[in-house]
């Protein structure tokens, strides 16, 4: 009889631990952070004179799977707008860390504006240069 009570206790405890684990999995994913890595950009910039090149890799931070889908859905438009932005830069706008930080902020605004235009809300939380080379 004592053995049966012990077995019942183990079964009940394992049931409650599974129930609590299920509650944890059902919790809303408000802490979701995902990244969309864009293919590398290589553009020439600077106008007439010596041709300069910029090669950069961009990652976009998103807060939901819906945002991830929206970015991927509009990827061609996102890449187009960023290519035009990067090819319109000057040597002064890419030569320092501070200038590159400002370019990242401007890139974020360009992508956010595009997503607002297409989806109705700015769903992007941040944009990062994971690689940035100027020649």
Protein backbone atom coordinates (compact mmCIF):
# COMPACT_ATOMS: atom_id res chain seq x y z
CA UNK A 1 0.00 0.00 0.00
CA UNK A 2 2.85 2.36 0.85
CA UNK A 3 4.49 1.50 -2.43
CA UNK A 4 1.25 2.34 -4.29
CA UNK A 5 1.04 5.79 -2.61
CA UNK A 6 4.63 6.51 -3.57
CA UNK A 7 3.92 5.55 -7.16
CA UNK A 8 0.79 7.75 -7.21
CA UNK A 9 2.81 10.66 -5.80
CA UNK A 10 5.44 10.29 -8.53
CA UNK A 11 2.77 10.15 -11.23
CA UNK A 12 0.99 13.24 -9.88
CA UNK A 13 4.23 15.21 -9.56
CA UNK A 14 5.26 14.36 -13.10
CA UNK A 15 1.80 15.38 -14.35
CA UNK A 16 2.02 18.78 -12.62
CA UNK A 17 5.54 19.42 -13.94
CA UNK A 18 4.32 18.68 -17.49
CA UNK A 19 1.36 21.02 -16.93
CA UNK A 20 3.66 23.82 -15.74
CA UNK A 21 5.99 23.27 -18.68
CA UNK A 22 3.03 23.52 -21.05
CA UNK A 23 2.05 26.84 -19.42
CA UNK A 24 5.58 28.17 -19.96
CA UNK A 25 5.49 27.20 -23.62
CA UNK A 26 2.09 28.84 -24.09
CA UNK A 27 3.36 32.17 -22.72
CA UNK A 28 3.25 35.01 -25.23
CA UNK A 29 6.45 35.53 -27.21
CA UNK A 30 6.81 39.21 -26.29
CA UNK A 31 10.56 38.80 -25.91
CA UNK A 32 11.00 37.56 -29.48
CA UNK A 33 14.07 38.94 -31.21
CA UNK A 34 15.02 37.76 -34.65
CA UNK A 35 17.50 38.96 -37.22
CA UNK A 36 17.23 39.19 -40.98
CA UNK A 37 20.65 39.08 -42.60
CA UNK A 38 20.70 40.78 -45.97
CA UNK A 39 23.07 39.65 -48.71
CA UNK A 40 26.19 41.85 -48.84
CA UNK A 41 25.98 45.21 -50.59
CA UNK A 42 28.79 46.35 -52.89
CA UNK A 43 28.35 49.82 -54.37
CA UNK A 44 30.57 52.51 -55.81
CA UNK A 45 30.07 55.99 -54.44
CA UNK A 46 31.53 59.47 -54.29
CA UNK A 47 30.63 60.96 -57.66
CA UNK A 48 33.14 62.02 -60.31
CA UNK A 49 36.83 61.47 -59.77
CA UNK A 50 38.36 58.49 -58.05
CA UNK A 51 35.94 55.57 -57.87
CA UNK A 52 35.42 54.40 -54.31
CA UNK A 53 33.74 51.21 -53.20
CA UNK A 54 31.64 50.36 -50.18
CA UNK A 55 30.98 46.79 -49.17
CA UNK A 56 28.78 46.18 -46.16
CA UNK A 57 26.68 43.48 -44.60
CA UNK A 58 23.45 44.48 -42.89
CA UNK A 59 21.35 42.73 -40.26
CA UNK A 60 17.88 43.94 -39.32
CA UNK A 61 16.50 43.23 -35.83
CA UNK A 62 12.81 42.34 -35.75
CA UNK A 63 10.46 41.84 -32.84
CA UNK A 64 8.06 39.28 -34.27
CA UNK A 65 7.73 36.55 -36.84
CA UNK A 66 5.23 38.74 -38.71
CA UNK A 67 7.93 41.37 -39.10
CA UNK A 68 10.38 38.73 -40.27
CA UNK A 69 7.86 37.70 -42.93
CA UNK A 70 7.21 41.33 -43.95
CA UNK A 71 10.93 42.06 -44.42
CA UNK A 72 11.42 38.92 -46.49
CA UNK A 73 8.30 39.68 -48.51
CA UNK A 74 9.57 43.18 -49.40
CA UNK A 75 13.26 42.22 -49.68
CA UNK A 76 13.70 43.45 -53.26
CA UNK A 77 12.32 46.87 -52.35
CA UNK A 78 14.43 47.03 -49.17
CA UNK A 79 17.62 46.18 -51.07
CA UNK A 80 16.80 48.69 -53.82
CA UNK A 81 16.32 51.56 -51.40
CA UNK A 82 19.50 50.69 -49.48
CA UNK A 83 21.57 50.43 -52.67
CA UNK A 84 20.45 53.93 -53.68
CA UNK A 85 21.20 55.23 -50.18
CA UNK A 86 24.70 53.72 -50.06
CA UNK A 87 25.66 54.72 -53.60
CA UNK A 88 24.72 58.34 -52.82
CA UNK A 89 27.23 58.64 -49.97
CA UNK A 90 30.38 60.78 -49.93
CA UNK A 91 33.80 59.93 -48.52
CA UNK A 92 33.05 62.06 -45.43
CA UNK A 93 29.81 60.20 -44.74
CA UNK A 94 31.52 56.79 -44.43
CA UNK A 95 35.09 57.44 -43.25
CA UNK A 96 34.58 57.61 -39.46
CA UNK A 97 32.86 55.41 -36.91
CA UNK A 98 30.47 58.24 -36.05
CA UNK A 99 29.59 58.70 -39.73
CA UNK A 100 28.97 54.96 -40.10
CA UNK A 101 26.71 55.04 -37.03
CA UNK A 102 24.75 57.88 -38.60
CA UNK A 103 24.51 55.91 -41.85
CA UNK A 104 23.14 52.93 -39.90
CA UNK A 105 20.48 55.20 -38.33
CA UNK A 106 19.60 56.58 -41.74
CA UNK A 107 19.42 53.04 -43.15
CA UNK A 108 17.06 52.06 -40.31
CA UNK A 109 14.82 55.04 -41.10
CA UNK A 110 14.76 54.15 -44.81
CA UNK A 111 13.73 50.56 -44.07
CA UNK A 112 11.18 51.61 -41.43
CA UNK A 113 9.62 54.14 -43.82
CA UNK A 114 9.36 51.47 -46.49
CA UNK A 115 7.71 48.98 -44.13
CA UNK A 116 5.28 51.67 -42.89
CA UNK A 117 4.39 52.43 -46.51
CA UNK A 118 3.86 48.74 -47.36
CA UNK A 119 2.53 47.28 -44.09
CA UNK A 120 1.10 50.25 -42.20
CA UNK A 121 3.41 50.17 -39.17
CA UNK A 122 7.13 50.38 -38.37
CA UNK A 123 7.89 46.88 -37.13
CA UNK A 124 11.70 47.03 -37.20
CA UNK A 125 13.57 47.59 -33.97
CA UNK A 126 17.17 48.12 -35.16
CA UNK A 127 19.64 47.80 -38.00
CA UNK A 128 23.32 46.84 -37.73
CA UNK A 129 26.34 46.79 -40.00
CA UNK A 130 27.99 43.42 -39.37
CA UNK A 131 30.74 44.29 -41.84
CA UNK A 132 31.73 47.66 -43.31
CA UNK A 133 34.63 48.09 -45.75
CA UNK A 134 35.49 51.22 -47.73
CA UNK A 135 38.11 51.40 -50.50
